PDB file of N, CA and C in Angstrom:
ATOM      1  N   MET A   1     -29.895  22.524  30.703  1.00  0.00           N
ATOM      2  CA  MET A   1     -29.655  22.690  29.283  1.00  0.00           C
ATOM      3  C   MET A   1     -29.385  24.161  28.978  1.00  0.00           C
ATOM      4  N   SER A   2     -28.504  24.420  28.081  1.00  0.00           N
ATOM      5  CA  SER A   2     -28.098  25.772  27.725  1.00  0.00           C
ATOM      6  C   SER A   2     -29.067  26.396  26.726  1.00  0.00           C
ATOM      7  N   ASP A   3     -29.133  27.733  26.739  1.00  0.00           N
ATOM      8  CA  ASP A   3     -29.943  28.457  25.753  1.00  0.00           C
ATOM      9  C   ASP A   3     -29.191  28.649  24.451  1.00  0.00           C
ATOM     10  N   TYR A   4     -27.934  28.213  24.416  1.00  0.00           N
ATOM     11  CA  TYR A   4     -27.106  28.389  23.222  1.00  0.00           C
ATOM     12  C   TYR A   4     -27.653  27.559  22.077  1.00  0.00           C
ATOM     13  N   GLU A   5     -27.801  28.200  20.940  1.00  0.00           N
ATOM     14  CA  GLU A   5     -28.230  27.506  19.730  1.00  0.00           C
ATOM     15  C   GLU A   5     -27.203  27.804  18.647  1.00  0.00           C
ATOM     16  N   PRO A   6     -26.540  26.787  18.102  1.00  0.00           N
ATOM     17  CA  PRO A   6     -25.486  27.036  17.117  1.00  0.00           C
ATOM     18  C   PRO A   6     -26.036  27.609  15.820  1.00  0.00           C
ATOM     19  N   LEU A   7     -25.153  28.325  15.122  1.00  0.00           N
ATOM     20  CA  LEU A   7     -25.517  28.854  13.810  1.00  0.00           C
ATOM     21  C   LEU A   7     -25.528  27.761  12.747  1.00  0.00           C
ATOM     22  N   TYR A   8     -24.721  26.717  12.950  1.00  0.00           N
ATOM     23  CA  TYR A   8     -24.584  25.654  11.960  1.00  0.00           C
ATOM     24  C   TYR A   8     -24.796  24.299  12.632  1.00  0.00           C
ATOM     25  N   ASN A   9     -25.275  23.315  11.853  1.00  0.00           N
ATOM     26  CA  ASN A   9     -25.389  21.962  12.380  1.00  0.00           C
ATOM     27  C   ASN A   9     -24.140  21.171  12.010  1.00  0.00           C
ATOM     28  N   MET A  10     -24.109  19.889  12.312  1.00  0.00           N
ATOM     29  CA  MET A  10     -22.917  19.062  12.079  1.00  0.00           C
ATOM     30  C   MET A  10     -22.527  18.975  10.602  1.00  0.00           C
ATOM     31  N   GLU A  11     -23.469  19.198   9.703  1.00  0.00           N
ATOM     32  CA  GLU A  11     -23.175  19.161   8.265  1.00  0.00           C
ATOM     33  C   GLU A  11     -22.819  20.544   7.733  1.00  0.00           C
ATOM     34  N   CYS A  12     -22.598  21.492   8.637  1.00  0.00           N
ATOM     35  CA  CYS A  12     -22.235  22.868   8.286  1.00  0.00           C
ATOM     36  C   CYS A  12     -23.317  23.580   7.486  1.00  0.00           C
ATOM     37  N   GLU A  13     -24.567  23.213   7.710  1.00  0.00           N
ATOM     38  CA  GLU A  13     -25.675  23.916   7.094  1.00  0.00           C
ATOM     39  C   GLU A  13     -26.148  24.988   8.073  1.00  0.00           C
ATOM     40  N   VAL A  14     -26.554  26.126   7.524  1.00  0.00           N
ATOM     41  CA  VAL A  14     -27.033  27.202   8.389  1.00  0.00           C
ATOM     42  C   VAL A  14     -28.344  26.770   9.027  1.00  0.00           C
ATOM     43  N   VAL A  15     -28.421  26.815  10.358  1.00  0.00           N
ATOM     44  CA  VAL A  15     -29.649  26.429  11.043  1.00  0.00           C
ATOM     45  C   VAL A  15     -30.421  27.631  11.582  1.00  0.00           C
ATOM     46  N   ARG A  16     -29.765  28.760  11.686  1.00  0.00           N
ATOM     47  CA  ARG A  16     -30.481  29.991  12.005  1.00  0.00           C
ATOM     48  C   ARG A  16     -29.740  31.147  11.359  1.00  0.00           C
ATOM     49  N   ASP A  17     -30.494  32.029  10.796  1.00  0.00           N
ATOM     50  CA  ASP A  17     -29.922  33.165  10.089  1.00  0.00           C
ATOM     51  C   ASP A  17     -29.902  34.340  11.049  1.00  0.00           C
ATOM     52  N   GLU A  18     -28.718  34.801  11.369  1.00  0.00           N
ATOM     53  CA  GLU A  18     -28.588  35.869  12.345  1.00  0.00           C
ATOM     54  C   GLU A  18     -27.587  36.894  11.843  1.00  0.00           C
ATOM     55  N   VAL A  19     -27.931  38.143  11.985  1.00  0.00           N
ATOM     56  CA  VAL A  19     -27.034  39.221  11.588  1.00  0.00           C
ATOM     57  C   VAL A  19     -26.474  39.842  12.858  1.00  0.00           C
ATOM     58  N   PHE A  20     -25.156  39.953  12.915  1.00  0.00           N
ATOM     59  CA  PHE A  20     -24.515  40.545  14.073  1.00  0.00           C
ATOM     60  C   PHE A  20     -24.207  41.995  13.759  1.00  0.00           C
ATOM     61  N   ASP A  21     -24.819  42.902  14.505  1.00  0.00           N
ATOM     62  CA  ASP A  21     -24.497  44.317  14.362  1.00  0.00           C
ATOM     63  C   ASP A  21     -23.322  44.603  15.278  1.00  0.00           C
ATOM     64  N   TYR A  22     -22.279  45.182  14.717  1.00  0.00           N
ATOM     65  CA  TYR A  22     -21.099  45.468  15.516  1.00  0.00           C
ATOM     66  C   TYR A  22     -20.816  46.952  15.463  1.00  0.00           C
ATOM     67  N   GLU A  23     -20.807  47.581  16.608  1.00  0.00           N
ATOM     68  CA  GLU A  23     -20.458  48.985  16.729  1.00  0.00           C
ATOM     69  C   GLU A  23     -19.021  49.074  17.203  1.00  0.00           C
ATOM     70  N   PRO A  24     -18.105  49.565  16.382  1.00  0.00           N
ATOM     71  CA  PRO A  24     -16.711  49.640  16.811  1.00  0.00           C
ATOM     72  C   PRO A  24     -16.545  50.482  18.065  1.00  0.00           C
ATOM     73  N   GLN A  25     -15.790  49.955  19.002  1.00  0.00           N
ATOM     74  CA  GLN A  25     -15.418  50.672  20.210  1.00  0.00           C
ATOM     75  C   GLN A  25     -14.096  51.384  19.906  1.00  0.00           C
ATOM     76  N   PRO A  26     -13.645  52.268  20.792  1.00  0.00           N
ATOM     77  CA  PRO A  26     -12.348  52.891  20.548  1.00  0.00           C
ATOM     78  C   PRO A  26     -11.282  51.825  20.321  1.00  0.00           C
ATOM     79  N   GLY A  27     -10.490  52.008  19.319  1.00  0.00           N
ATOM     80  CA  GLY A  27      -9.464  51.037  18.973  1.00  0.00           C
ATOM     81  C   GLY A  27      -8.921  51.322  17.591  1.00  0.00           C
ATOM     82  N   LEU A  28      -8.485  50.295  16.917  1.00  0.00           N
ATOM     83  CA  LEU A  28      -7.844  50.425  15.625  1.00  0.00           C
ATOM     84  C   LEU A  28      -8.601  49.597  14.600  1.00  0.00           C
ATOM     85  N   LEU A  29      -8.961  50.203  13.470  1.00  0.00           N
ATOM     86  CA  LEU A  29      -9.632  49.492  12.393  1.00  0.00           C
ATOM     87  C   LEU A  29      -8.629  49.286  11.269  1.00  0.00           C
ATOM     88  N   ILE A  30      -8.282  48.046  10.999  1.00  0.00           N
ATOM     89  CA  ILE A  30      -7.314  47.724   9.948  1.00  0.00           C
ATOM     90  C   ILE A  30      -8.108  47.398   8.698  1.00  0.00           C
ATOM     91  N   GLU A  31      -8.035  48.299   7.716  1.00  0.00           N
ATOM     92  CA  GLU A  31      -8.846  48.188   6.511  1.00  0.00           C
ATOM     93  C   GLU A  31      -8.026  47.649   5.354  1.00  0.00           C
ATOM     94  N   GLY A  32      -8.664  47.545   4.212  1.00  0.00           N
ATOM     95  CA  GLY A  32      -7.988  47.109   2.997  1.00  0.00           C
ATOM     96  C   GLY A  32      -8.312  45.669   2.672  1.00  0.00           C
ATOM     97  N   HIS A  33      -8.020  45.274   1.446  1.00  0.00           N
ATOM     98  CA  HIS A  33      -8.329  43.931   0.983  1.00  0.00           C
ATOM     99  C   HIS A  33      -7.127  43.004   1.033  1.00  0.00           C
ATOM    100  N   ASN A  34      -6.045  43.471   1.644  1.00  0.00           N
ATOM    101  CA  ASN A  34      -4.869  42.617   1.762  1.00  0.00           C
ATOM    102  C   ASN A  34      -5.120  41.544   2.826  1.00  0.00           C
ATOM    103  N   ILE A  35      -4.343  40.488   2.810  1.00  0.00           N
ATOM    104  CA  ILE A  35      -4.506  39.396   3.766  1.00  0.00           C
ATOM    105  C   ILE A  35      -4.038  39.833   5.141  1.00  0.00           C
ATOM    106  N   LYS A  36      -4.859  39.540   6.129  1.00  0.00           N
ATOM    107  CA  LYS A  36      -4.513  39.790   7.527  1.00  0.00           C
ATOM    108  C   LYS A  36      -4.492  38.438   8.234  1.00  0.00           C
ATOM    109  N   ARG A  37      -3.464  38.221   9.040  1.00  0.00           N
ATOM    110  CA  ARG A  37      -3.345  36.963   9.781  1.00  0.00           C
ATOM    111  C   ARG A  37      -3.374  37.284  11.269  1.00  0.00           C
ATOM    112  N   VAL A  38      -4.254  36.606  11.981  1.00  0.00           N
ATOM    113  CA  VAL A  38      -4.414  36.804  13.417  1.00  0.00           C
ATOM    114  C   VAL A  38      -3.930  35.538  14.114  1.00  0.00           C
ATOM    115  N   HIS A  39      -3.024  35.705  15.067  1.00  0.00           N
ATOM    116  CA  HIS A  39      -2.618  34.526  15.839  1.00  0.00           C
ATOM    117  C   HIS A  39      -2.330  34.899  17.285  1.00  0.00           C
ATOM    118  N   ILE A  40      -2.318  33.882  18.133  1.00  0.00           N
ATOM    119  CA  ILE A  40      -2.105  34.052  19.563  1.00  0.00           C
ATOM    120  C   ILE A  40      -0.663  33.688  19.884  1.00  0.00           C
ATOM    121  N   ASP A  41       0.015  34.562  20.612  1.00  0.00           N
ATOM    122  CA  ASP A  41       1.411  34.337  20.994  1.00  0.00           C
ATOM    123  C   ASP A  41       1.431  33.567  22.315  1.00  0.00           C
ATOM    124  N   GLN A  42       1.608  32.250  22.236  1.00  0.00           N
ATOM    125  CA  GLN A  42       1.588  31.419  23.441  1.00  0.00           C
ATOM    126  C   GLN A  42       2.724  31.760  24.399  1.00  0.00           C
ATOM    127  N   HIS A  43       3.852  32.218  23.872  1.00  0.00           N
ATOM    128  CA  HIS A  43       4.969  32.601  24.733  1.00  0.00           C
ATOM    129  C   HIS A  43       4.613  33.844  25.554  1.00  0.00           C
ATOM    130  N   ARG A  44       3.890  34.783  24.926  1.00  0.00           N
ATOM    131  CA  ARG A  44       3.464  35.990  25.634  1.00  0.00           C
ATOM    132  C   ARG A  44       2.487  35.624  26.750  1.00  0.00           C
ATOM    133  N   ILE A  45       1.599  34.682  26.501  1.00  0.00           N
ATOM    134  CA  ILE A  45       0.640  34.254  27.526  1.00  0.00           C
ATOM    135  C   ILE A  45       1.382  33.678  28.730  1.00  0.00           C
ATOM    136  N   LYS A  46       2.397  32.860  28.472  1.00  0.00           N
ATOM    137  CA  LYS A  46       3.179  32.275  29.567  1.00  0.00           C
ATOM    138  C   LYS A  46       3.927  33.343  30.353  1.00  0.00           C
ATOM    139  N   LYS A  47       4.490  34.333  29.650  1.00  0.00           N
ATOM    140  CA  LYS A  47       5.197  35.423  30.332  1.00  0.00           C
ATOM    141  C   LYS A  47       4.221  36.286  31.133  1.00  0.00           C
ATOM    142  N   ASN A  48       3.048  36.540  30.565  1.00  0.00           N
ATOM    143  CA  ASN A  48       2.046  37.354  31.261  1.00  0.00           C
ATOM    144  C   ASN A  48       1.594  36.703  32.567  1.00  0.00           C
ATOM    145  N   ALA A  49       1.616  35.386  32.619  1.00  0.00           N
ATOM    146  CA  ALA A  49       1.193  34.674  33.828  1.00  0.00           C
ATOM    147  C   ALA A  49       2.149  34.904  34.991  1.00  0.00           C
ATOM    148  N   LYS A  50       3.357  35.348  34.689  1.00  0.00           N
ATOM    149  CA  LYS A  50       4.391  35.511  35.715  1.00  0.00           C
ATOM    150  C   LYS A  50       4.593  36.957  36.171  1.00  0.00           C
ATOM    151  N   VAL A  51       3.816  37.888  35.613  1.00  0.00           N
ATOM    152  CA  VAL A  51       3.994  39.299  35.969  1.00  0.00           C
ATOM    153  C   VAL A  51       2.675  39.874  36.480  1.00  0.00           C
ATOM    154  N   PRO A  52       2.745  40.992  37.215  1.00  0.00           N
ATOM    155  CA  PRO A  52       1.504  41.630  37.684  1.00  0.00           C
ATOM    156  C   PRO A  52       0.670  42.127  36.499  1.00  0.00           C
ATOM    157  N   PRO A  53      -0.653  42.264  36.678  1.00  0.00           N
ATOM    158  CA  PRO A  53      -1.537  42.676  35.573  1.00  0.00           C
ATOM    159  C   PRO A  53      -1.105  43.955  34.860  1.00  0.00           C
ATOM    160  N   GLU A  54      -0.576  44.921  35.599  1.00  0.00           N
ATOM    161  CA  GLU A  54      -0.204  46.192  34.962  1.00  0.00           C
ATOM    162  C   GLU A  54       1.032  46.071  34.070  1.00  0.00           C
ATOM    163  N   GLU A  55       1.746  44.956  34.150  1.00  0.00           N
ATOM    164  CA  GLU A  55       2.939  44.747  33.318  1.00  0.00           C
ATOM    165  C   GLU A  55       2.693  43.793  32.153  1.00  0.00           C
ATOM    166  N   ARG A  56       1.487  43.290  32.021  1.00  0.00           N
ATOM    167  CA  ARG A  56       1.177  42.332  30.957  1.00  0.00           C
ATOM    168  C   ARG A  56       1.139  43.019  29.592  1.00  0.00           C
ATOM    169  N   LEU A  57       1.524  42.259  28.581  1.00  0.00           N
ATOM    170  CA  LEU A  57       1.528  42.758  27.200  1.00  0.00           C
ATOM    171  C   LEU A  57       0.502  41.983  26.378  1.00  0.00           C
ATOM    172  N   PRO A  58      -0.022  42.594  25.317  1.00  0.00           N
ATOM    173  CA  PRO A  58      -1.064  41.944  24.523  1.00  0.00           C
ATOM    174  C   PRO A  58      -0.559  40.670  23.841  1.00  0.00           C
ATOM    175  N   PRO A  59      -1.331  39.588  23.895  1.00  0.00           N
ATOM    176  CA  PRO A  59      -0.901  38.310  23.330  1.00  0.00           C
ATOM    177  C   PRO A  59      -1.401  38.009  21.920  1.00  0.00           C
ATOM    178  N   ILE A  60      -2.195  38.899  21.341  1.00  0.00           N
ATOM    179  CA  ILE A  60      -2.758  38.646  20.014  1.00  0.00           C
ATOM    180  C   ILE A  60      -2.039  39.511  18.991  1.00  0.00           C
ATOM    181  N   SER A  61      -1.643  38.913  17.871  1.00  0.00           N
ATOM    182  CA  SER A  61      -0.993  39.647  16.777  1.00  0.00           C
ATOM    183  C   SER A  61      -1.888  39.662  15.558  1.00  0.00           C
ATOM    184  N   VAL A  62      -2.004  40.834  14.931  1.00  0.00           N
ATOM    185  CA  VAL A  62      -2.664  40.965  13.635  1.00  0.00           C
ATOM    186  C   VAL A  62      -1.582  41.402  12.668  1.00  0.00           C
ATOM    187  N   LYS A  63      -1.266  40.524  11.720  1.00  0.00           N
ATOM    188  CA  LYS A  63      -0.164  40.793  10.789  1.00  0.00           C
ATOM    189  C   LYS A  63      -0.688  40.997   9.375  1.00  0.00           C
ATOM    190  N   THR A  64      -0.114  41.997   8.705  1.00  0.00           N
ATOM    191  CA  THR A  64      -0.332  42.182   7.274  1.00  0.00           C
ATOM    192  C   THR A  64       1.049  42.126   6.631  1.00  0.00           C
ATOM    193  N   SER A  65       1.109  42.340   5.341  1.00  0.00           N
ATOM    194  CA  SER A  65       2.412  42.308   4.671  1.00  0.00           C
ATOM    195  C   SER A  65       3.313  43.461   5.113  1.00  0.00           C
ATOM    196  N   LYS A  66       2.717  44.531   5.675  1.00  0.00           N
ATOM    197  CA  LYS A  66       3.497  45.711   6.031  1.00  0.00           C
ATOM    198  C   LYS A  66       3.514  46.036   7.516  1.00  0.00           C
ATOM    199  N   GLU A  67       2.675  45.392   8.319  1.00  0.00           N
ATOM    200  CA  GLU A  67       2.570  45.795   9.718  1.00  0.00           C
ATOM    201  C   GLU A  67       2.228  44.617  10.626  1.00  0.00           C
ATOM    202  N   ASN A  68       2.490  44.825  11.896  1.00  0.00           N
ATOM    203  CA  ASN A  68       2.189  43.827  12.918  1.00  0.00           C
ATOM    204  C   ASN A  68       1.644  44.572  14.128  1.00  0.00           C
ATOM    205  N   HIS A  69       0.375  44.329  14.474  1.00  0.00           N
ATOM    206  CA  HIS A  69      -0.262  45.004  15.601  1.00  0.00           C
ATOM    207  C   HIS A  69      -0.461  44.015  16.731  1.00  0.00           C
ATOM    208  N   LYS A  70      -0.084  44.418  17.937  1.00  0.00           N
ATOM    209  CA  LYS A  70      -0.308  43.614  19.131  1.00  0.00           C
ATOM    210  C   LYS A  70      -1.615  44.090  19.759  1.00  0.00           C
ATOM    211  N   CYS A  71      -2.497  43.154  20.081  1.00  0.00           N
ATOM    212  CA  CYS A  71      -3.840  43.509  20.544  1.00  0.00           C
ATOM    213  C   CYS A  71      -4.268  42.666  21.739  1.00  0.00           C
ATOM    214  N   TRP A  72      -5.266  43.204  22.453  1.00  0.00           N
ATOM    215  CA  TRP A  72      -5.902  42.484  23.560  1.00  0.00           C
ATOM    216  C   TRP A  72      -7.141  41.744  23.075  1.00  0.00           C
ATOM    217  N   GLU A  73      -7.788  42.280  22.058  1.00  0.00           N
ATOM    218  CA  GLU A  73      -9.008  41.684  21.510  1.00  0.00           C
ATOM    219  C   GLU A  73      -9.066  42.019  20.040  1.00  0.00           C
ATOM    220  N   VAL A  74      -9.615  41.098  19.241  1.00  0.00           N
ATOM    221  CA  VAL A  74      -9.735  41.295  17.793  1.00  0.00           C
ATOM    222  C   VAL A  74     -11.132  40.879  17.357  1.00  0.00           C
ATOM    223  N   VAL A  75     -11.733  41.680  16.472  1.00  0.00           N
ATOM    224  CA  VAL A  75     -13.012  41.324  15.862  1.00  0.00           C
ATOM    225  C   VAL A  75     -12.814  41.368  14.355  1.00  0.00           C
ATOM    226  N   VAL A  76     -13.072  40.238  13.683  1.00  0.00           N
ATOM    227  CA  VAL A  76     -13.002  40.179  12.224  1.00  0.00           C
ATOM    228  C   VAL A  76     -14.384  40.547  11.706  1.00  0.00           C
ATOM    229  N   LEU A  77     -14.457  41.617  10.919  1.00  0.00           N
ATOM    230  CA  LEU A  77     -15.736  42.136  10.432  1.00  0.00           C
ATOM    231  C   LEU A  77     -16.057  41.569   9.057  1.00  0.00           C
ATOM    232  N   GLY A  78     -16.153  40.259   8.973  1.00  0.00           N
ATOM    233  CA  GLY A  78     -16.453  39.590   7.705  1.00  0.00           C
ATOM    234  C   GLY A  78     -15.985  38.148   7.738  1.00  0.00           C
ATOM    235  N   ASP A  79     -15.814  37.597   6.566  1.00  0.00           N
ATOM    236  CA  ASP A  79     -15.411  36.194   6.448  1.00  0.00           C
ATOM    237  C   ASP A  79     -13.964  35.991   6.863  1.00  0.00           C
ATOM    238  N   CYS A  80     -13.682  34.797   7.377  1.00  0.00           N
ATOM    239  CA  CYS A  80     -12.315  34.444   7.724  1.00  0.00           C
ATOM    240  C   CYS A  80     -12.162  32.927   7.666  1.00  0.00           C
ATOM    241  N   ASN A  81     -10.933  32.470   7.625  1.00  0.00           N
ATOM    242  CA  ASN A  81     -10.607  31.045   7.632  1.00  0.00           C
ATOM    243  C   ASN A  81      -9.630  30.778   8.754  1.00  0.00           C
ATOM    244  N   ILE A  82      -9.759  29.609   9.376  1.00  0.00           N
ATOM    245  CA  ILE A  82      -8.789  29.188  10.385  1.00  0.00           C
ATOM    246  C   ILE A  82      -7.874  28.178   9.714  1.00  0.00           C
ATOM    247  N   LYS A  83      -6.578  28.448   9.761  1.00  0.00           N
ATOM    248  CA  LYS A  83      -5.589  27.602   9.085  1.00  0.00           C
ATOM    249  C   LYS A  83      -4.729  26.858  10.093  1.00  0.00           C
ATOM    250  N   TYR A  84      -4.402  25.622   9.775  1.00  0.00           N
ATOM    251  CA  TYR A  84      -3.451  24.827  10.560  1.00  0.00           C
ATOM    252  C   TYR A  84      -2.415  24.305   9.590  1.00  0.00           C
ATOM    253  N   SER A  85      -1.168  24.696   9.792  1.00  0.00           N
ATOM    254  CA  SER A  85      -0.098  24.302   8.892  1.00  0.00           C
ATOM    255  C   SER A  85       1.146  23.935   9.701  1.00  0.00           C
ATOM    256  N   PRO A  86       1.198  22.697  10.240  1.00  0.00           N
ATOM    257  CA  PRO A  86       2.330  22.322  11.084  1.00  0.00           C
ATOM    258  C   PRO A  86       3.645  22.179  10.320  1.00  0.00           C
ATOM    259  N   ASP A  87       3.565  21.877   9.029  1.00  0.00           N
ATOM    260  CA  ASP A  87       4.780  21.681   8.239  1.00  0.00           C
ATOM    261  C   ASP A  87       5.311  22.975   7.623  1.00  0.00           C
ATOM    262  N   LYS A  88       4.453  23.998   7.533  1.00  0.00           N
ATOM    263  CA  LYS A  88       4.875  25.272   6.967  1.00  0.00           C
ATOM    264  C   LYS A  88       4.283  26.401   7.823  1.00  0.00           C
ATOM    265  N   PRO A  89       4.857  26.618   9.031  1.00  0.00           N
ATOM    266  CA  PRO A  89       4.320  27.666   9.911  1.00  0.00           C
ATOM    267  C   PRO A  89       4.636  29.064   9.387  1.00  0.00           C
ATOM    268  N   LEU A  90       4.001  30.059   9.993  1.00  0.00           N
ATOM    269  CA  LEU A  90       4.324  31.448   9.670  1.00  0.00           C
ATOM    270  C   LEU A  90       5.753  31.745  10.115  1.00  0.00           C
ATOM    271  N   SER A  91       6.311  32.832   9.650  1.00  0.00           N
ATOM    272  CA  SER A  91       7.696  33.182   9.999  1.00  0.00           C
ATOM    273  C   SER A  91       7.888  33.357  11.505  1.00  0.00           C
ATOM    274  N   CYS A  92       6.817  33.693  12.223  1.00  0.00           N
ATOM    275  CA  CYS A  92       6.899  33.853  13.680  1.00  0.00           C
ATOM    276  C   CYS A  92       6.819  32.506  14.395  1.00  0.00           C
ATOM    277  N   GLY A  93       6.535  31.445  13.656  1.00  0.00           N
ATOM    278  CA  GLY A  93       6.445  30.110  14.248  1.00  0.00           C
ATOM    279  C   GLY A  93       5.029  29.616  14.453  1.00  0.00           C
ATOM    280  N   ALA A  94       4.035  30.463  14.227  1.00  0.00           N
ATOM    281  CA  ALA A  94       2.640  30.061  14.438  1.00  0.00           C
ATOM    282  C   ALA A  94       2.245  28.956  13.465  1.00  0.00           C
ATOM    283  N   LYS A  95       1.588  27.935  14.000  1.00  0.00           N
ATOM    284  CA  LYS A  95       1.115  26.816  13.184  1.00  0.00           C
ATOM    285  C   LYS A  95      -0.391  26.857  12.992  1.00  0.00           C
ATOM    286  N   VAL A  96      -1.081  27.678  13.793  1.00  0.00           N
ATOM    287  CA  VAL A  96      -2.525  27.880  13.668  1.00  0.00           C
ATOM    288  C   VAL A  96      -2.774  29.379  13.666  1.00  0.00           C
ATOM    289  N   TRP A  97      -3.595  29.851  12.735  1.00  0.00           N
ATOM    290  CA  TRP A  97      -3.908  31.269  12.675  1.00  0.00           C
ATOM    291  C   TRP A  97      -5.220  31.472  11.951  1.00  0.00           C
ATOM    292  N   ILE A  98      -5.751  32.685  12.066  1.00  0.00           N
ATOM    293  CA  ILE A  98      -6.958  33.089  11.342  1.00  0.00           C
ATOM    294  C   ILE A  98      -6.504  33.967  10.193  1.00  0.00           C
ATOM    295  N   GLU A  99      -7.064  33.723   9.018  1.00  0.00           N
ATOM    296  CA  GLU A  99      -6.691  34.489   7.826  1.00  0.00           C
ATOM    297  C   GLU A  99      -7.944  35.127   7.248  1.00  0.00           C
ATOM    298  N   THR A 100      -7.842  36.415   6.886  1.00  0.00           N
ATOM    299  CA  THR A 100      -8.989  37.140   6.350  1.00  0.00           C
ATOM    300  C   THR A 100      -8.532  38.268   5.434  1.00  0.00           C
ATOM    301  N   THR A 101      -9.415  38.683   4.537  1.00  0.00           N
ATOM    302  CA  THR A 101      -9.209  39.912   3.765  1.00  0.00           C
ATOM    303  C   THR A 101     -10.227  40.965   4.202  1.00  0.00           C
ATOM    304  N   SER A 102     -11.035  40.637   5.204  1.00  0.00           N
ATOM    305  CA  SER A 102     -12.037  41.567   5.737  1.00  0.00           C
ATOM    306  C   SER A 102     -11.374  42.590   6.649  1.00  0.00           C
ATOM    307  N   GLU A 103     -12.136  43.619   7.010  1.00  0.00           N
ATOM    308  CA  GLU A 103     -11.646  44.588   7.985  1.00  0.00           C
ATOM    309  C   GLU A 103     -11.500  43.890   9.334  1.00  0.00           C
ATOM    310  N   VAL A 104     -10.533  44.357  10.111  1.00  0.00           N
ATOM    311  CA  VAL A 104     -10.281  43.794  11.430  1.00  0.00           C
ATOM    312  C   VAL A 104     -10.212  44.942  12.426  1.00  0.00           C
ATOM    313  N   TRP A 105     -10.980  44.834  13.507  1.00  0.00           N
ATOM    314  CA  TRP A 105     -10.912  45.813  14.590  1.00  0.00           C
ATOM    315  C   TRP A 105     -10.020  45.246  15.675  1.00  0.00           C
ATOM    316  N   CYS A 106      -9.166  46.088  16.223  1.00  0.00           N
ATOM    317  CA  CYS A 106      -8.153  45.662  17.180  1.00  0.00           C
ATOM    318  C   CYS A 106      -8.199  46.555  18.411  1.00  0.00           C
ATOM    319  N   ASP A 107      -8.359  45.950  19.595  1.00  0.00           N
ATOM    320  CA  ASP A 107      -8.316  46.680  20.862  1.00  0.00           C
ATOM    321  C   ASP A 107      -6.865  46.698  21.330  1.00  0.00           C
ATOM    322  N   LYS A 108      -6.228  47.849  21.205  1.00  0.00           N
ATOM    323  CA  LYS A 108      -4.809  47.958  21.530  1.00  0.00           C
ATOM    324  C   LYS A 108      -4.568  48.435  22.960  1.00  0.00           C
ATOM    325  N   ARG A 109      -5.483  49.169  23.560  1.00  0.00           N
ATOM    326  CA  ARG A 109      -5.349  49.674  24.933  1.00  0.00           C
ATOM    327  C   ARG A 109      -3.926  50.005  25.327  1.00  0.00           C
ATOM    328  N   GLY A 110      -3.295  50.873  24.575  1.00  0.00           N
ATOM    329  CA  GLY A 110      -1.944  51.306  24.926  1.00  0.00           C
ATOM    330  C   GLY A 110      -0.847  50.394  24.420  1.00  0.00           C
ATOM    331  N   ALA A 111      -1.193  49.348  23.681  1.00  0.00           N
ATOM    332  CA  ALA A 111      -0.167  48.447  23.144  1.00  0.00           C
ATOM    333  C   ALA A 111       0.605  49.154  22.047  1.00  0.00           C
ATOM    334  N   THR A 112       1.801  48.683  21.805  1.00  0.00           N
ATOM    335  CA  THR A 112       2.616  49.262  20.744  1.00  0.00           C
ATOM    336  C   THR A 112       2.489  48.410  19.495  1.00  0.00           C
ATOM    337  N   SER A 113       2.816  48.994  18.362  1.00  0.00           N
ATOM    338  CA  SER A 113       2.856  48.225  17.121  1.00  0.00           C
ATOM    339  C   SER A 113       4.071  48.665  16.335  1.00  0.00           C
ATOM    340  N   ASN A 114       4.612  47.757  15.566  1.00  0.00           N
ATOM    341  CA  ASN A 114       5.716  48.116  14.691  1.00  0.00           C
ATOM    342  C   ASN A 114       5.178  48.155  13.278  1.00  0.00           C
ATOM    343  N   SER A 115       4.294  49.141  13.037  1.00  0.00           N
ATOM    344  CA  SER A 115       3.655  49.238  11.731  1.00  0.00           C
ATOM    345  C   SER A 115       4.280  50.364  10.922  1.00  0.00           C
ATOM    346  N   THR A 116       4.233  50.197   9.622  1.00  0.00           N
ATOM    347  CA  THR A 116       4.756  51.218   8.728  1.00  0.00           C
ATOM    348  C   THR A 116       3.638  52.121   8.234  1.00  0.00           C
ATOM    349  N   ASN A 117       2.395  51.627   8.285  1.00  0.00           N
ATOM    350  CA  ASN A 117       1.241  52.428   7.885  1.00  0.00           C
ATOM    351  C   ASN A 117       0.422  52.750   9.122  1.00  0.00           C
ATOM    352  N   SER A 118      -0.404  53.756   9.058  1.00  0.00           N
ATOM    353  CA  SER A 118      -1.263  54.101  10.183  1.00  0.00           C
ATOM    354  C   SER A 118      -2.695  53.774   9.835  1.00  0.00           C
ATOM    355  N   PRO A 119      -3.202  52.633  10.304  1.00  0.00           N
ATOM    356  CA  PRO A 119      -4.593  52.317  10.069  1.00  0.00           C
ATOM    357  C   PRO A 119      -5.496  53.312  10.799  1.00  0.00           C
ATOM    358  N   LYS A 120      -6.758  53.312  10.447  1.00  0.00           N
ATOM    359  CA  LYS A 120      -7.728  54.262  10.950  1.00  0.00           C
ATOM    360  C   LYS A 120      -8.015  54.030  12.434  1.00  0.00           C
ATOM    361  N   GLN A 121      -7.882  55.099  13.249  1.00  0.00           N
ATOM    362  CA  GLN A 121      -8.249  55.044  14.650  1.00  0.00           C
ATOM    363  C   GLN A 121      -9.758  55.180  14.736  1.00  0.00           C
ATOM    364  N   VAL A 122     -10.412  54.357  15.523  1.00  0.00           N
ATOM    365  CA  VAL A 122     -11.848  54.439  15.725  1.00  0.00           C
ATOM    366  C   VAL A 122     -12.086  54.976  17.124  1.00  0.00           C
ATOM    367  N   ASP A 123     -12.778  56.129  17.223  1.00  0.00           N
ATOM    368  CA  ASP A 123     -13.043  56.722  18.537  1.00  0.00           C
ATOM    369  C   ASP A 123     -14.518  56.721  18.838  1.00  0.00           C
TER     370      ASP A 123
END
């Protein structure tokens, strides 16, 4: 039997109250109250499987109305919703994504972004 104990039961009631302390590691902190959408690029994952590790590119995108960041890891520092919209996908084609207005930390590890604004670097 596992030591894992869920935060919620089947009726979505809180079964244990736990506060997660998160210390940002070096990376990018995307702030502001605008909507941020996080999704996984399945095509990038398939391409990464065919190349050596040093040539792999980040498969996670964090999109705002003004920028798109490619990341290796993302932490949403607050509330978020998971959306599934097969009939009205995002412009990139994603049908499932995470949507939040909370701050988002992004591990870019040398990844590029085509952003127009410069979010706060966390060192």
